[in-house]
N, C-alpha and C. Protein backbone atom coordinates (compact mmCIF):
# COMPACT_ATOMS: atom_id res chain seq x y z
N MET A 1 30.83 -8.21 -27.23
CA MET A 1 30.41 -7.35 -26.43
C MET A 1 29.37 -6.22 -26.85
N GLY A 2 29.16 -6.40 -28.07
CA GLY A 2 28.17 -5.12 -28.65
C GLY A 2 26.90 -5.77 -28.16
N LEU A 3 26.49 -6.97 -28.00
CA LEU A 3 24.92 -7.37 -27.90
C LEU A 3 25.11 -7.43 -26.33
N ALA A 4 26.37 -7.37 -25.77
CA ALA A 4 25.84 -7.56 -24.19
C ALA A 4 25.49 -6.39 -23.59
N LEU A 5 25.99 -5.11 -24.60
CA LEU A 5 25.80 -3.84 -24.10
C LEU A 5 24.36 -3.19 -24.45
N VAL A 6 23.92 -4.22 -25.93
CA VAL A 6 22.35 -3.71 -26.10
C VAL A 6 21.67 -4.52 -25.63
N LEU A 7 21.95 -5.72 -24.49
CA LEU A 7 20.98 -6.64 -24.03
C LEU A 7 20.96 -5.63 -22.49
N SER A 8 22.25 -4.87 -21.85
CA SER A 8 22.17 -4.22 -20.88
C SER A 8 21.12 -3.02 -20.76
N PHE A 9 21.45 -2.41 -22.17
CA PHE A 9 20.44 -1.12 -22.53
C PHE A 9 19.14 -1.44 -22.41
N VAL A 10 18.81 -2.46 -23.15
CA VAL A 10 17.32 -3.11 -23.31
C VAL A 10 16.81 -3.42 -21.78
N VAL A 11 17.34 -4.14 -20.93
CA VAL A 11 16.99 -4.08 -19.75
C VAL A 11 16.97 -3.24 -18.75
N LYS A 12 17.69 -2.34 -18.96
CA LYS A 12 17.83 -0.93 -18.24
C LYS A 12 16.78 0.19 -18.63
N THR A 13 16.68 -0.19 -19.85
CA THR A 13 15.20 0.98 -20.06
C THR A 13 13.61 0.49 -20.12
N TRP A 14 13.46 -0.92 -20.19
CA TRP A 14 12.44 -1.52 -19.96
C TRP A 14 11.85 -2.11 -18.78
N LEU A 15 12.87 -2.39 -18.27
CA LEU A 15 12.75 -3.95 -17.11
C LEU A 15 13.18 -3.31 -15.55
N LEU A 16 14.86 -3.26 -15.47
CA LEU A 16 15.31 -3.25 -14.33
C LEU A 16 16.41 -2.21 -14.18
N GLN A 17 16.42 -1.26 -13.08
CA GLN A 17 17.85 -0.36 -13.29
C GLN A 17 18.30 -0.24 -12.02
N ALA A 18 19.24 -0.08 -11.76
CA ALA A 18 20.17 0.10 -10.74
C ALA A 18 20.18 1.45 -10.09
N PHE A 19 19.83 1.94 -8.85
CA PHE A 19 20.32 3.32 -8.44
C PHE A 19 21.16 3.06 -7.08
N TYR A 20 21.81 4.32 -6.79
CA TYR A 20 22.75 4.69 -5.78
C TYR A 20 21.98 5.54 -4.74
N ILE A 21 21.84 5.15 -3.41
CA ILE A 21 21.23 5.60 -2.34
C ILE A 21 22.38 6.82 -1.81
N PRO A 22 22.02 8.24 -1.97
CA PRO A 22 23.07 8.96 -1.87
C PRO A 22 22.91 9.85 -0.01
N SER A 23 21.30 9.54 0.51
CA SER A 23 20.96 10.30 1.69
C SER A 23 20.24 9.20 2.33
N GLY A 24 20.14 9.96 3.72
CA GLY A 24 19.82 9.03 4.76
C GLY A 24 18.36 9.10 4.79
N SER A 25 17.33 9.65 3.85
CA SER A 25 16.02 10.00 4.31
C SER A 25 14.88 8.90 4.14
N MET A 26 15.67 7.51 3.60
CA MET A 26 14.96 6.14 3.77
C MET A 26 15.66 5.51 4.59
N GLU A 27 16.66 5.71 6.11
CA GLU A 27 16.96 4.78 6.73
C GLU A 27 15.82 4.41 7.74
N ASP A 28 15.57 3.46 8.24
CA ASP A 28 16.75 2.59 8.10
C ASP A 28 16.45 1.29 6.95
N THR A 29 15.52 1.46 6.36
CA THR A 29 14.79 0.74 5.48
C THR A 29 16.16 0.51 4.15
N LEU A 30 16.74 1.56 4.19
CA LEU A 30 17.76 2.00 2.88
C LEU A 30 18.75 2.49 3.67
N ARG A 31 20.01 2.76 3.58
CA ARG A 31 21.17 3.00 4.19
C ARG A 31 22.06 3.77 3.00
N ILE A 32 22.80 5.12 3.47
CA ILE A 32 23.59 5.73 2.62
C ILE A 32 24.53 4.96 1.68
N ASN A 33 24.98 4.84 0.57
CA ASN A 33 25.76 4.02 -0.26
C ASN A 33 25.20 2.79 -0.43
N ASP A 34 23.96 2.49 -0.22
CA ASP A 34 22.99 1.22 -0.93
C ASP A 34 23.07 1.39 -2.21
N ARG A 35 23.07 0.17 -2.60
CA ARG A 35 22.58 0.17 -4.06
C ARG A 35 21.36 -0.64 -4.46
N VAL A 36 20.21 -0.01 -5.00
CA VAL A 36 18.89 -0.78 -5.16
C VAL A 36 18.61 -0.92 -6.35
N ILE A 37 17.92 -2.17 -6.78
CA ILE A 37 17.37 -2.62 -8.16
C ILE A 37 15.89 -1.94 -8.12
N VAL A 38 15.24 -1.33 -9.52
CA VAL A 38 14.10 -0.72 -9.62
C VAL A 38 13.55 -1.36 -10.46
N SER A 39 12.00 -2.03 -10.25
CA SER A 39 11.21 -2.76 -11.33
C SER A 39 10.51 -1.29 -12.28
N LYS A 40 10.89 -1.56 -13.55
CA LYS A 40 10.30 -0.23 -14.28
C LYS A 40 8.87 -0.76 -14.60
N LEU A 41 8.48 -2.00 -14.24
CA LEU A 41 7.45 -2.49 -14.48
C LEU A 41 6.07 -1.98 -13.79
N THR A 42 6.40 -0.90 -12.68
CA THR A 42 5.33 -0.54 -12.05
C THR A 42 5.89 0.97 -11.80
N PRO A 43 4.86 2.06 -11.82
CA PRO A 43 3.96 1.58 -12.87
C PRO A 43 3.98 1.30 -14.27
N GLY A 44 2.94 0.63 -14.65
CA GLY A 44 2.85 -0.15 -16.24
C GLY A 44 1.97 -1.00 -16.16
N PRO A 45 2.54 -2.47 -16.27
CA PRO A 45 1.40 -3.71 -16.43
C PRO A 45 1.22 -3.55 -14.91
N PHE A 46 1.78 -3.37 -13.61
CA PHE A 46 1.38 -3.42 -12.57
C PHE A 46 1.14 -2.06 -12.02
N ASP A 47 0.21 -1.91 -10.92
CA ASP A 47 -0.41 -0.61 -10.60
C ASP A 47 0.57 -0.35 -9.31
N LEU A 48 0.70 0.75 -9.03
CA LEU A 48 1.40 1.66 -8.01
C LEU A 48 0.56 1.01 -6.39
N GLN A 49 1.05 0.60 -5.41
CA GLN A 49 0.24 0.60 -4.12
C GLN A 49 0.89 1.44 -3.09
N ARG A 50 0.18 1.74 -2.26
CA ARG A 50 0.17 2.48 -0.73
C ARG A 50 1.78 1.52 -0.36
N GLY A 51 2.38 2.12 0.08
CA GLY A 51 3.65 1.29 1.04
C GLY A 51 4.79 0.96 -0.24
N ASP A 52 4.60 1.10 -1.74
CA ASP A 52 5.57 1.10 -2.44
C ASP A 52 6.63 1.94 -1.97
N ILE A 53 8.21 1.72 -2.43
CA ILE A 53 9.31 2.46 -2.27
C ILE A 53 8.93 2.72 -3.86
N VAL A 54 9.39 3.97 -4.19
CA VAL A 54 9.36 4.58 -5.67
C VAL A 54 10.84 5.39 -5.76
N VAL A 55 11.50 5.31 -6.98
CA VAL A 55 12.20 6.36 -7.57
C VAL A 55 11.68 6.84 -8.58
N PHE A 56 11.91 8.66 -8.07
CA PHE A 56 11.65 9.44 -9.36
C PHE A 56 12.27 10.63 -9.69
N ALA A 57 11.88 10.75 -10.94
CA ALA A 57 12.73 12.42 -11.15
C ALA A 57 12.49 13.41 -10.13
N ASP A 58 13.07 14.70 -10.11
CA ASP A 58 12.82 15.41 -9.29
C ASP A 58 11.92 16.20 -9.89
N PRO A 59 10.45 16.70 -9.28
CA PRO A 59 9.69 17.60 -9.46
C PRO A 59 9.81 18.96 -9.95
N GLY A 60 11.15 19.45 -9.39
CA GLY A 60 11.05 20.88 -9.68
C GLY A 60 11.67 21.11 -8.34
N GLY A 61 12.76 21.90 -7.80
CA GLY A 61 13.12 22.16 -6.72
C GLY A 61 13.16 21.35 -5.44
N TRP A 62 13.12 20.26 -5.69
CA TRP A 62 13.32 19.25 -4.35
C TRP A 62 14.48 18.93 -4.18
N LEU A 63 15.79 19.37 -5.15
CA LEU A 63 17.24 18.54 -4.96
C LEU A 63 17.74 19.98 -5.12
N ASP A 64 18.90 20.08 -4.01
CA ASP A 64 20.06 21.12 -4.55
C ASP A 64 20.48 20.58 -5.81
N GLU A 65 21.62 21.77 -5.97
CA GLU A 65 22.23 21.42 -7.80
C GLU A 65 23.36 20.64 -7.21
N PRO A 66 23.57 19.69 -7.81
CA PRO A 66 24.55 18.68 -7.95
C PRO A 66 26.33 19.42 -8.10
N PRO A 67 27.10 18.70 -7.09
CA PRO A 67 28.04 19.36 -6.74
C PRO A 67 28.84 19.05 -8.14
N PRO A 68 29.78 19.80 -8.95
CA PRO A 68 30.63 19.39 -9.86
C PRO A 68 31.68 18.12 -9.74
N PRO A 69 31.68 17.30 -10.67
CA PRO A 69 32.50 16.24 -10.75
C PRO A 69 33.79 16.02 -10.31
N GLN A 70 34.26 15.28 -9.75
CA GLN A 70 35.43 15.32 -9.03
C GLN A 70 36.70 14.32 -9.58
N THR A 71 35.62 13.83 -10.71
CA THR A 71 36.84 13.02 -11.76
C THR A 71 36.99 13.65 -13.11
N GLY A 72 37.98 13.67 -13.60
CA GLY A 72 38.08 14.10 -14.95
C GLY A 72 37.59 13.96 -16.21
N PRO A 73 37.61 14.91 -17.04
CA PRO A 73 36.71 14.36 -18.16
C PRO A 73 36.37 13.48 -18.66
N VAL A 74 37.45 12.48 -18.63
CA VAL A 74 37.29 11.31 -19.65
C VAL A 74 36.84 10.29 -18.63
N ARG A 75 36.91 10.00 -17.57
CA ARG A 75 36.39 9.06 -16.75
C ARG A 75 34.97 9.50 -16.47
N THR A 76 34.52 10.75 -16.42
CA THR A 76 33.42 11.38 -16.34
C THR A 76 32.28 10.91 -17.46
N VAL A 77 33.12 10.79 -18.65
CA VAL A 77 32.30 10.52 -19.92
C VAL A 77 31.84 8.65 -19.70
N VAL A 78 33.17 8.10 -19.19
CA VAL A 78 33.02 6.68 -19.19
C VAL A 78 31.89 6.23 -18.15
N ARG A 79 31.91 7.04 -17.03
CA ARG A 79 31.13 6.88 -16.11
C ARG A 79 29.65 6.94 -16.56
N ASP A 80 29.53 7.99 -17.21
CA ASP A 80 28.08 8.49 -18.09
C ASP A 80 27.53 7.17 -19.03
N VAL A 81 28.39 6.71 -19.68
CA VAL A 81 27.82 5.97 -20.57
C VAL A 81 27.82 4.66 -20.17
N LEU A 82 28.42 4.31 -19.20
CA LEU A 82 28.52 3.04 -18.30
C LEU A 82 27.39 3.15 -17.72
N MET A 83 26.28 4.11 -17.13
CA MET A 83 25.24 4.33 -16.67
C MET A 83 23.97 4.24 -17.59
N PHE A 84 24.46 4.82 -18.55
CA PHE A 84 23.19 5.14 -19.86
C PHE A 84 23.06 3.61 -20.21
N VAL A 85 23.73 2.56 -20.21
CA VAL A 85 23.47 1.19 -20.98
C VAL A 85 23.29 0.07 -19.36
N GLY A 86 23.45 0.99 -18.43
CA GLY A 86 22.97 0.21 -17.54
C GLY A 86 23.91 -0.94 -16.52
N LEU A 87 25.20 -0.58 -16.88
CA LEU A 87 26.20 -1.40 -16.17
C LEU A 87 27.06 -0.70 -15.11
N LEU A 88 26.70 0.60 -14.71
CA LEU A 88 27.00 1.00 -13.42
C LEU A 88 25.46 1.63 -12.79
N PRO A 89 25.09 1.81 -11.60
CA PRO A 89 24.01 2.09 -11.02
C PRO A 89 23.59 3.85 -11.29
N ASP A 90 22.64 4.21 -10.99
CA ASP A 90 22.32 5.79 -11.41
C ASP A 90 22.90 6.28 -10.19
N ASP A 91 23.35 7.59 -10.32
CA ASP A 91 23.95 7.77 -9.07
C ASP A 91 23.06 9.19 -8.48
N SER A 92 21.72 8.75 -9.03
CA SER A 92 20.67 9.82 -8.34
C SER A 92 20.66 10.99 -8.15
N GLU A 93 21.63 11.75 -9.03
CA GLU A 93 21.85 13.19 -8.81
C GLU A 93 20.36 13.78 -9.14
N ASN A 94 19.83 13.49 -10.35
CA ASN A 94 18.55 14.07 -10.26
C ASN A 94 17.10 13.06 -10.00
N HIS A 95 17.28 12.24 -9.10
CA HIS A 95 16.21 11.20 -8.76
C HIS A 95 16.25 11.30 -7.16
N LEU A 96 14.92 11.27 -6.75
CA LEU A 96 14.91 10.81 -5.25
C LEU A 96 13.76 9.62 -4.93
N ILE A 97 14.00 8.96 -4.15
CA ILE A 97 13.53 7.69 -3.41
C ILE A 97 12.68 7.84 -2.03
N LYS A 98 11.29 7.45 -2.27
CA LYS A 98 10.54 7.56 -1.30
C LYS A 98 9.48 6.57 -1.54
N ARG A 99 8.78 6.69 -0.05
CA ARG A 99 7.65 5.56 0.00
C ARG A 99 6.08 6.26 -0.22
N VAL A 100 5.44 5.53 -1.05
CA VAL A 100 4.22 6.05 -1.38
C VAL A 100 3.19 5.47 -0.20
N ILE A 101 2.38 6.67 0.23
CA ILE A 101 1.65 6.55 1.32
C ILE A 101 0.21 6.99 1.03
N GLY A 102 -0.06 7.91 0.12
CA GLY A 102 -0.97 8.28 -0.38
C GLY A 102 -1.25 8.20 -1.84
N LEU A 103 -2.33 7.39 -2.81
CA LEU A 103 -2.70 7.03 -4.27
C LEU A 103 -3.90 7.98 -4.39
N PRO A 104 -4.02 8.37 -5.51
CA PRO A 104 -4.81 9.47 -6.05
C PRO A 104 -6.22 9.32 -5.77
N GLY A 105 -6.77 10.53 -5.27
CA GLY A 105 -7.91 10.17 -4.29
C GLY A 105 -7.84 10.23 -3.05
N ASP A 106 -6.91 9.91 -2.29
CA ASP A 106 -7.07 9.49 -0.96
C ASP A 106 -6.84 10.92 -0.22
N HIS A 107 -7.44 10.66 0.85
CA HIS A 107 -7.21 11.70 1.80
C HIS A 107 -6.11 11.48 3.12
N VAL A 108 -5.19 12.08 2.89
CA VAL A 108 -4.10 11.28 3.80
C VAL A 108 -3.78 13.06 4.77
N LYS A 109 -3.68 12.52 5.85
CA LYS A 109 -3.97 13.55 7.53
C LYS A 109 -2.98 12.85 8.54
N CYS A 110 -2.38 14.08 9.39
CA CYS A 110 -1.56 13.74 10.17
C CYS A 110 -1.74 15.02 11.37
N CYS A 111 -1.97 14.45 12.38
CA CYS A 111 -1.84 13.23 12.82
C CYS A 111 -3.63 12.93 13.60
N ASP A 112 -3.64 11.97 13.96
CA ASP A 112 -4.83 11.40 14.70
C ASP A 112 -4.25 11.36 16.34
N ALA A 113 -5.36 11.31 17.27
CA ALA A 113 -4.99 11.15 18.75
C ALA A 113 -3.78 10.31 19.28
N GLY A 114 -3.69 9.26 18.33
CA GLY A 114 -2.59 8.17 18.87
C GLY A 114 -1.16 8.64 18.01
N GLU A 115 -1.54 9.95 17.41
CA GLU A 115 -0.09 10.25 16.25
C GLU A 115 0.15 9.43 15.25
N ARG A 116 -0.87 9.11 14.82
CA ARG A 116 -0.79 8.23 13.38
C ARG A 116 -1.53 8.84 12.39
N ILE A 117 -0.63 8.70 11.36
CA ILE A 117 -1.08 9.56 9.98
C ILE A 117 -2.49 8.29 9.67
N THR A 118 -3.54 9.19 9.02
CA THR A 118 -4.87 8.27 8.64
C THR A 118 -4.68 8.21 7.47
N VAL A 119 -5.15 7.44 6.45
CA VAL A 119 -5.47 7.50 4.98
C VAL A 119 -7.05 7.11 5.11
N ASN A 120 -7.70 8.20 4.35
CA ASN A 120 -9.09 7.65 3.91
C ASN A 120 -9.41 7.54 5.41
N GLY A 121 -9.32 8.15 6.39
CA GLY A 121 -10.20 7.77 7.94
C GLY A 121 -9.40 6.82 8.59
N ALA A 122 -8.79 6.00 7.93
CA ALA A 122 -8.21 4.73 8.61
C ALA A 122 -6.56 4.74 9.26
N PRO A 123 -6.64 4.98 10.34
CA PRO A 123 -5.07 4.73 11.05
C PRO A 123 -4.35 3.98 10.47
N ILE A 124 -2.93 4.34 10.14
CA ILE A 124 -1.77 3.28 9.71
C ILE A 124 -0.60 2.99 10.91
N VAL A 125 -0.38 1.88 11.13
CA VAL A 125 0.78 1.79 12.00
C VAL A 125 2.12 1.47 10.90
N GLU A 126 3.06 1.99 10.66
CA GLU A 126 4.30 2.17 10.12
C GLU A 126 5.36 1.73 10.65
N PRO A 127 5.68 0.43 10.60
CA PRO A 127 6.77 -0.55 11.34
C PRO A 127 8.23 0.24 10.44
N TYR A 128 8.03 0.33 9.53
CA TYR A 128 9.40 0.94 8.74
C TYR A 128 10.08 2.41 8.99
N ILE A 129 9.18 3.37 9.85
CA ILE A 129 9.72 4.38 10.25
C ILE A 129 10.88 4.38 11.17
N LYS A 130 11.92 4.81 10.77
CA LYS A 130 13.28 4.79 11.68
C LYS A 130 12.87 5.19 13.19
N HIS A 131 13.40 4.27 13.76
CA HIS A 131 13.22 3.95 15.57
C HIS A 131 13.47 5.32 16.01
N GLY A 132 12.50 6.01 16.92
CA GLY A 132 12.57 7.18 17.42
C GLY A 132 11.76 8.59 16.66
N ASP A 133 11.62 7.93 15.54
CA ASP A 133 10.92 9.14 14.88
C ASP A 133 9.30 9.28 15.02
N ALA A 134 8.70 10.32 15.21
CA ALA A 134 7.49 10.47 15.01
C ALA A 134 6.62 10.37 13.41
N ALA A 135 5.52 9.93 13.56
CA ALA A 135 4.89 10.04 11.99
C ALA A 135 4.91 10.78 11.14
N SER A 136 5.11 12.28 11.67
CA SER A 136 5.34 13.44 11.26
C SER A 136 5.31 14.14 11.94
N SER A 137 6.24 15.28 12.59
CA SER A 137 6.53 16.27 13.46
C SER A 137 5.54 17.66 12.73
N GLN A 138 5.51 17.44 11.44
CA GLN A 138 4.69 18.27 10.59
C GLN A 138 3.01 18.02 10.58
N PRO A 139 2.39 18.89 10.94
CA PRO A 139 0.79 18.37 10.88
C PRO A 139 0.42 18.60 9.13
N PHE A 140 -0.79 17.67 8.48
CA PHE A 140 -0.87 17.99 7.43
C PHE A 140 -2.11 17.47 6.74
N ASP A 141 -3.31 17.96 5.78
CA ASP A 141 -4.12 17.63 5.76
C ASP A 141 -4.37 17.46 4.45
N ILE A 142 -4.42 16.83 3.31
CA ILE A 142 -4.65 17.09 1.90
C ILE A 142 -5.33 15.91 1.18
N HIS A 143 -5.37 16.03 0.00
CA HIS A 143 -6.25 15.06 -0.82
C HIS A 143 -5.25 14.92 -2.03
N VAL A 144 -4.78 13.70 -2.36
CA VAL A 144 -4.09 13.45 -3.52
C VAL A 144 -4.44 13.58 -4.78
N PRO A 145 -4.05 14.41 -5.65
CA PRO A 145 -4.56 15.06 -7.07
C PRO A 145 -4.62 13.78 -7.97
N SER A 146 -5.41 13.76 -8.71
CA SER A 146 -5.74 12.84 -9.95
C SER A 146 -4.11 12.49 -10.27
N GLY A 147 -4.02 11.53 -10.90
CA GLY A 147 -2.67 11.02 -11.75
C GLY A 147 -1.24 11.20 -10.87
N SER A 148 -1.51 11.44 -9.08
CA SER A 148 -0.14 11.74 -8.52
C SER A 148 -0.09 10.91 -7.15
N VAL A 149 0.75 10.84 -6.69
CA VAL A 149 1.20 10.01 -5.24
C VAL A 149 1.51 10.98 -4.44
N TRP A 150 1.71 10.54 -3.13
CA TRP A 150 1.73 11.60 -1.96
C TRP A 150 3.04 10.79 -1.26
N VAL A 151 4.30 11.20 -1.19
CA VAL A 151 5.41 10.18 -0.91
C VAL A 151 5.89 10.62 0.52
N MET A 152 6.57 9.94 1.17
CA MET A 152 7.34 10.16 2.50
C MET A 152 8.77 9.30 2.60
N GLY A 153 9.77 9.88 3.46
CA GLY A 153 10.81 9.08 3.55
C GLY A 153 10.68 8.41 4.93
N ASP A 154 11.19 7.09 5.06
CA ASP A 154 10.75 6.51 5.93
C ASP A 154 11.98 7.04 7.42
N HIS A 155 12.72 7.86 7.18
CA HIS A 155 13.38 8.75 8.21
C HIS A 155 12.63 10.12 8.11
N ARG A 156 11.68 10.01 8.81
CA ARG A 156 10.98 11.60 8.91
C ARG A 156 10.85 12.76 9.26
N SER A 157 12.43 12.59 10.25
CA SER A 157 12.82 13.83 10.58
C SER A 157 13.83 14.19 9.98
N ASN A 158 14.23 13.12 8.83
CA ASN A 158 15.21 13.48 7.96
C ASN A 158 15.09 13.91 6.32
N SER A 159 13.67 13.77 6.18
CA SER A 159 13.35 13.43 4.78
C SER A 159 12.49 14.88 4.16
N SER A 160 13.10 15.72 3.42
CA SER A 160 12.57 16.49 2.52
C SER A 160 11.38 16.08 1.33
N ASP A 161 10.41 15.68 1.93
CA ASP A 161 9.10 14.93 1.00
C ASP A 161 8.45 15.62 0.53
N SER A 162 7.17 14.95 0.48
CA SER A 162 5.97 16.03 -0.04
C SER A 162 5.33 16.78 0.88
N ARG A 163 5.55 16.80 2.01
CA ARG A 163 5.47 17.34 3.12
C ARG A 163 5.64 18.92 3.16
N PHE A 164 7.18 18.83 2.72
CA PHE A 164 7.68 20.36 2.64
C PHE A 164 8.09 20.92 1.30
N HIS A 165 6.99 20.32 0.26
CA HIS A 165 6.61 20.84 -0.95
C HIS A 165 5.54 21.34 -1.44
N ASP A 166 4.95 21.40 -0.43
CA ASP A 166 3.37 21.53 -0.49
C ASP A 166 3.01 23.10 0.10
N PRO A 167 3.43 23.83 -0.23
CA PRO A 167 3.16 25.32 0.18
C PRO A 167 1.60 25.54 0.18
N SER A 168 0.80 25.18 -0.68
CA SER A 168 -0.64 25.21 -0.98
C SER A 168 -1.27 24.48 0.68
N GLY A 169 -0.86 23.68 1.27
CA GLY A 169 -1.22 22.60 2.20
C GLY A 169 -2.82 21.69 1.39
N THR A 170 -2.45 21.59 0.46
CA THR A 170 -3.86 21.17 -0.22
C THR A 170 -3.31 19.54 -0.64
N GLY A 171 -2.00 19.29 -0.89
CA GLY A 171 -1.80 18.08 -1.70
C GLY A 171 -1.46 18.23 -3.22
N ARG A 172 -1.83 19.47 -3.67
CA ARG A 172 -1.69 19.85 -5.12
C ARG A 172 0.03 19.79 -5.19
N ASP A 173 0.72 20.72 -4.49
CA ASP A 173 1.74 20.82 -5.11
C ASP A 173 3.17 19.84 -4.24
N GLY A 174 2.82 19.40 -3.07
CA GLY A 174 3.69 18.15 -2.74
C GLY A 174 3.59 16.78 -3.39
N SER A 175 2.29 16.74 -3.88
CA SER A 175 2.26 15.33 -4.77
C SER A 175 3.08 15.02 -6.06
N VAL A 176 3.77 13.91 -6.16
CA VAL A 176 4.77 13.52 -7.13
C VAL A 176 4.05 13.05 -8.63
N PRO A 177 3.57 13.47 -9.61
CA PRO A 177 3.16 12.90 -10.63
C PRO A 177 3.81 11.82 -11.12
N GLU A 178 2.40 10.92 -11.14
CA GLU A 178 2.98 9.19 -11.80
C GLU A 178 3.90 9.32 -12.87
N SER A 179 4.10 10.31 -13.80
CA SER A 179 4.65 10.30 -15.32
C SER A 179 6.19 10.44 -14.75
N LEU A 180 6.22 10.83 -13.63
CA LEU A 180 7.65 11.13 -12.90
C LEU A 180 8.33 9.94 -12.51
N ILE A 181 7.50 8.80 -12.13
CA ILE A 181 8.03 7.82 -11.23
C ILE A 181 8.95 7.07 -12.31
N VAL A 182 10.05 6.44 -12.03
CA VAL A 182 11.03 5.35 -12.85
C VAL A 182 10.63 4.28 -12.58
N GLY A 183 10.30 3.80 -11.29
CA GLY A 183 9.75 2.66 -10.58
C GLY A 183 9.54 2.26 -9.67
N ARG A 184 9.66 0.82 -9.32
CA ARG A 184 9.63 0.59 -7.80
C ARG A 184 10.54 -0.32 -7.37
N ALA A 185 11.35 -0.06 -6.13
CA ALA A 185 12.60 -0.52 -5.54
C ALA A 185 12.28 -2.07 -5.13
N VAL A 186 12.86 -2.69 -5.66
CA VAL A 186 12.21 -4.22 -5.05
C VAL A 186 13.43 -5.02 -4.17
N SER A 187 14.68 -4.49 -4.63
CA SER A 187 15.82 -5.29 -3.45
C SER A 187 17.07 -4.23 -3.48
N ILE A 188 17.73 -4.68 -2.33
CA ILE A 188 19.20 -4.00 -2.31
C ILE A 188 19.78 -5.12 -2.48
N VAL A 189 20.75 -4.88 -3.30
CA VAL A 189 21.87 -6.01 -4.01
C VAL A 189 23.31 -5.45 -3.61
N TRP A 190 23.81 -4.37 -3.19
CA TRP A 190 24.87 -4.14 -2.32
C TRP A 190 24.76 -2.90 -1.48
N PRO A 191 25.83 -2.98 -0.31
CA PRO A 191 27.01 -3.82 0.06
C PRO A 191 26.37 -5.21 0.34
N LEU A 192 26.76 -6.28 0.08
CA LEU A 192 26.23 -7.47 0.52
C LEU A 192 25.78 -8.14 1.68
N GLY A 193 26.06 -6.94 2.63
CA GLY A 193 25.77 -7.22 4.23
C GLY A 193 24.29 -7.09 4.11
N HIS A 194 23.87 -6.13 3.31
CA HIS A 194 22.59 -5.59 3.14
C HIS A 194 21.60 -5.94 2.28
N LEU A 195 22.03 -7.35 1.71
CA LEU A 195 21.47 -7.92 0.52
C LEU A 195 20.18 -8.63 0.95
N SER A 196 19.22 -7.72 0.25
CA SER A 196 17.92 -8.08 0.93
C SER A 196 16.62 -8.02 -0.28
N TRP A 197 15.58 -8.28 -0.19
CA TRP A 197 14.16 -7.96 -0.87
C TRP A 197 13.55 -6.88 -0.03
N LEU A 198 12.93 -6.17 -0.88
CA LEU A 198 12.42 -4.87 0.37
C LEU A 198 10.78 -5.45 0.02
N GLN A 199 10.60 -5.83 1.24
CA GLN A 199 9.25 -6.30 1.59
C GLN A 199 7.98 -5.31 1.37
N HIS A 200 6.60 -5.64 0.95
CA HIS A 200 6.01 -4.42 1.08
C HIS A 200 5.12 -4.76 2.33
N PRO A 201 4.90 -3.52 2.52
CA PRO A 201 4.09 -3.66 4.01
C PRO A 201 2.44 -3.81 3.80
N SER A 202 1.87 -4.67 3.55
CA SER A 202 0.82 -4.75 2.96
C SER A 202 0.20 -4.87 4.29
N ALA A 203 0.11 -5.41 5.47
CA ALA A 203 -0.37 -5.15 6.57
C ALA A 203 -0.83 -3.64 6.92
N THR A 204 0.07 -2.56 6.76
CA THR A 204 0.10 -1.44 7.14
C THR A 204 -1.36 -0.97 6.56
N PHE A 205 -1.25 -1.14 5.49
CA PHE A 205 -2.86 -0.42 4.76
C PHE A 205 -4.09 -1.35 4.58
N SER A 206 -3.72 -2.52 4.98
CA SER A 206 -4.92 -3.48 4.81
C SER A 206 -6.41 -3.08 5.17
N LYS A 207 -6.21 -2.13 6.26
CA LYS A 207 -7.68 -2.02 6.64
C LYS A 207 -8.09 -0.40 6.14
N VAL A 208 -7.20 0.25 4.95
CA VAL A 208 -7.41 1.56 4.45
C VAL A 208 -8.68 1.25 3.28
N PRO A 209 -9.59 2.21 3.51
CA PRO A 209 -10.87 1.98 2.39
C PRO A 209 -10.34 2.46 0.96
N PRO A 210 -10.88 1.96 -0.12
CA PRO A 210 -10.55 2.77 -1.15
C PRO A 210 -10.69 3.90 -1.30
N ALA A 211 -9.89 4.61 -2.26
CA ALA A 211 -10.00 6.10 -2.37
C ALA A 211 -11.21 6.55 -2.94
N LYS A 212 -11.64 7.91 -2.58
CA LYS A 212 -12.87 8.13 -3.72
C LYS A 212 -12.22 8.64 -4.91
N GLU A 213 -13.14 8.83 -5.90
CA GLU A 213 -12.51 9.07 -7.27
C GLU A 213 -12.21 10.58 -7.22
N PRO A 214 -11.07 10.92 -7.49
CA PRO A 214 -10.67 12.61 -7.33
C PRO A 214 -11.50 13.36 -8.14
N ASP A 215 -11.69 14.63 -7.63
CA ASP A 215 -12.51 15.32 -8.31
C ASP A 215 -12.21 16.04 -9.11
N ALA A 216 -13.03 16.16 -10.26
CA ALA A 216 -12.35 16.60 -11.73
C ALA A 216 -12.06 17.91 -11.61
N ALA A 217 -12.66 18.48 -10.65
CA ALA A 217 -11.95 20.17 -10.74
C ALA A 217 -10.90 20.47 -9.62
N THR A 218 -10.55 19.40 -8.98
CA THR A 218 -9.34 19.37 -8.13
C THR A 218 -7.94 19.59 -8.94
N PRO A 219 -7.46 20.42 -8.84
CA PRO A 219 -6.24 21.05 -10.01
C PRO A 219 -4.82 19.84 -9.64
N GLY A 220 -4.35 18.91 -10.45
CA GLY A 220 -3.19 18.23 -10.02
C GLY A 220 -1.90 19.24 -10.15
N SER A 221 -1.16 18.20 -9.64
CA SER A 221 0.08 18.85 -9.29
C SER A 221 1.15 19.10 -10.45
N SER A 222 2.01 19.95 -10.49
CA SER A 222 2.78 20.41 -11.83
C SER A 222 3.95 19.96 -11.33
N SER A 223 4.60 19.90 -12.47
CA SER A 223 6.51 19.71 -11.91
C SER A 223 7.32 20.55 -11.65
N ARG A 224 6.56 21.65 -11.89
CA ARG A 224 7.33 23.52 -11.47
C ARG A 224 8.44 23.53 -12.06
């Protein structure tokens, strides 16, 4: 049992971790109560890509204060220990899950005449957006700072993402530092009816030209 706990902790720390989806901001790709497996090899040995679904720690002020636990102190401790070693999915009380739309240096804008988001001037068609939602009801025109990414939920009308945390309107505040990213979601493992791999939408970003090198004078985002 001790060896199993150690192995589970190693896997959870450096390779894979399970997370629980508490909100509908990524519908219909991810639904409330889904459990996803996150690869911690991205970012790291594998680079982030536009279209990746990532879990990241709250940059500051994105999440409301979590409600007090409804279980007794003993059950709370047992739950926390099992989550710590990776035997229970993280309840995501201090993490968020969104899709990467812009990489460092990208110019991301909404919207063009066809009501599409453009990345480095190229319009993108986003089949993962929840049916009936627009690409964004909130216009923006930003440059992603060095070392950060611009993220949005698939349920655009119900996602408090980079758009809503960028008061400067430049991308400086709403972009998420790569250092806060836990990893890339690769599959849904529960409930069994939702069991599936999370396919990467490579066609969506295939015509996006490379990002320009971020200007050294461009201020990076902070965790606030």
